[in-house]
């Protein structure tokens, strides 16, 4: 029988590199986590979009 672990959204946002992809885990309000699997190209595009959104344009 598998061990039962509580599912909570507690913990930091994290991104780990696995064999052929990146796995990003984002805590959600109300509990739980959003888990997104990205390949290298998608991760690069996401990074560029996030940087463009937070860096003020001159």
Protein backbone atom coordinates (compact mmCIF):
# COMPACT_ATOMS: atom_id res chain seq x y z
CA UNK A 1 0.00 0.00 0.00
CA UNK A 2 1.31 3.43 -0.90
CA UNK A 3 2.00 5.96 1.83
CA UNK A 4 -0.59 8.70 2.05
CA UNK A 5 0.92 12.17 2.00
CA UNK A 6 -1.07 15.36 2.43
CA UNK A 7 -1.41 17.45 -0.69
CA UNK A 8 -0.64 21.02 0.19
CA UNK A 9 0.40 24.02 -1.81
CA UNK A 10 3.00 24.87 0.80
CA UNK A 11 6.54 25.14 -0.41
CA UNK A 12 8.44 27.19 -2.93
CA UNK A 13 7.94 27.39 -6.65
CA UNK A 14 10.47 25.07 -8.22
CA UNK A 15 11.72 23.88 -11.57
CA UNK A 16 13.80 20.75 -12.02
CA UNK A 17 15.59 19.33 -15.05
CA UNK A 18 14.71 15.75 -15.74
CA UNK A 19 15.84 13.43 -18.54
CA UNK A 20 14.45 15.26 -21.58
CA UNK A 21 12.35 18.02 -20.07
CA UNK A 22 11.87 20.52 -17.25
CA UNK A 23 9.18 20.11 -14.59
CA UNK A 24 7.86 23.30 -13.01
CA UNK A 25 5.78 23.10 -9.82
CA UNK A 26 3.80 26.15 -8.78
CA UNK A 27 1.88 26.31 -5.45
CA UNK A 28 -1.77 27.34 -5.87
CA UNK A 29 -4.09 29.29 -3.61
CA UNK A 30 -6.42 26.90 -1.84
CA UNK A 31 -3.87 24.07 -1.88
CA UNK A 32 -2.34 21.84 -4.47
CA UNK A 33 0.27 22.53 -7.09
CA UNK A 34 0.23 23.22 -10.79
CA UNK A 35 2.74 20.91 -12.45
CA UNK A 36 3.90 21.83 -15.95
CA UNK A 37 6.26 19.79 -18.12
CA UNK A 38 8.26 21.78 -20.69
CA UNK A 39 10.88 20.96 -23.27
CA UNK A 40 13.99 23.18 -23.58
CA UNK A 41 12.48 25.39 -26.31
CA UNK A 42 9.28 25.97 -24.36
CA UNK A 43 11.23 26.77 -21.19
CA UNK A 44 13.34 29.33 -23.10
CA UNK A 45 10.23 30.97 -24.59
CA UNK A 46 8.54 31.09 -21.18
CA UNK A 47 11.61 32.74 -19.66
CA UNK A 48 11.69 35.40 -22.38
CA UNK A 49 7.97 36.14 -21.96
CA UNK A 50 8.31 36.45 -18.18
CA UNK A 51 11.33 38.74 -18.45
CA UNK A 52 9.51 40.94 -20.97
CA UNK A 53 6.53 41.16 -18.59
CA UNK A 54 8.53 42.23 -15.52
CA UNK A 55 11.32 44.39 -16.97
CA UNK A 56 10.14 47.94 -17.63
CA UNK A 57 10.61 49.15 -21.19
CA UNK A 58 12.81 52.21 -21.66
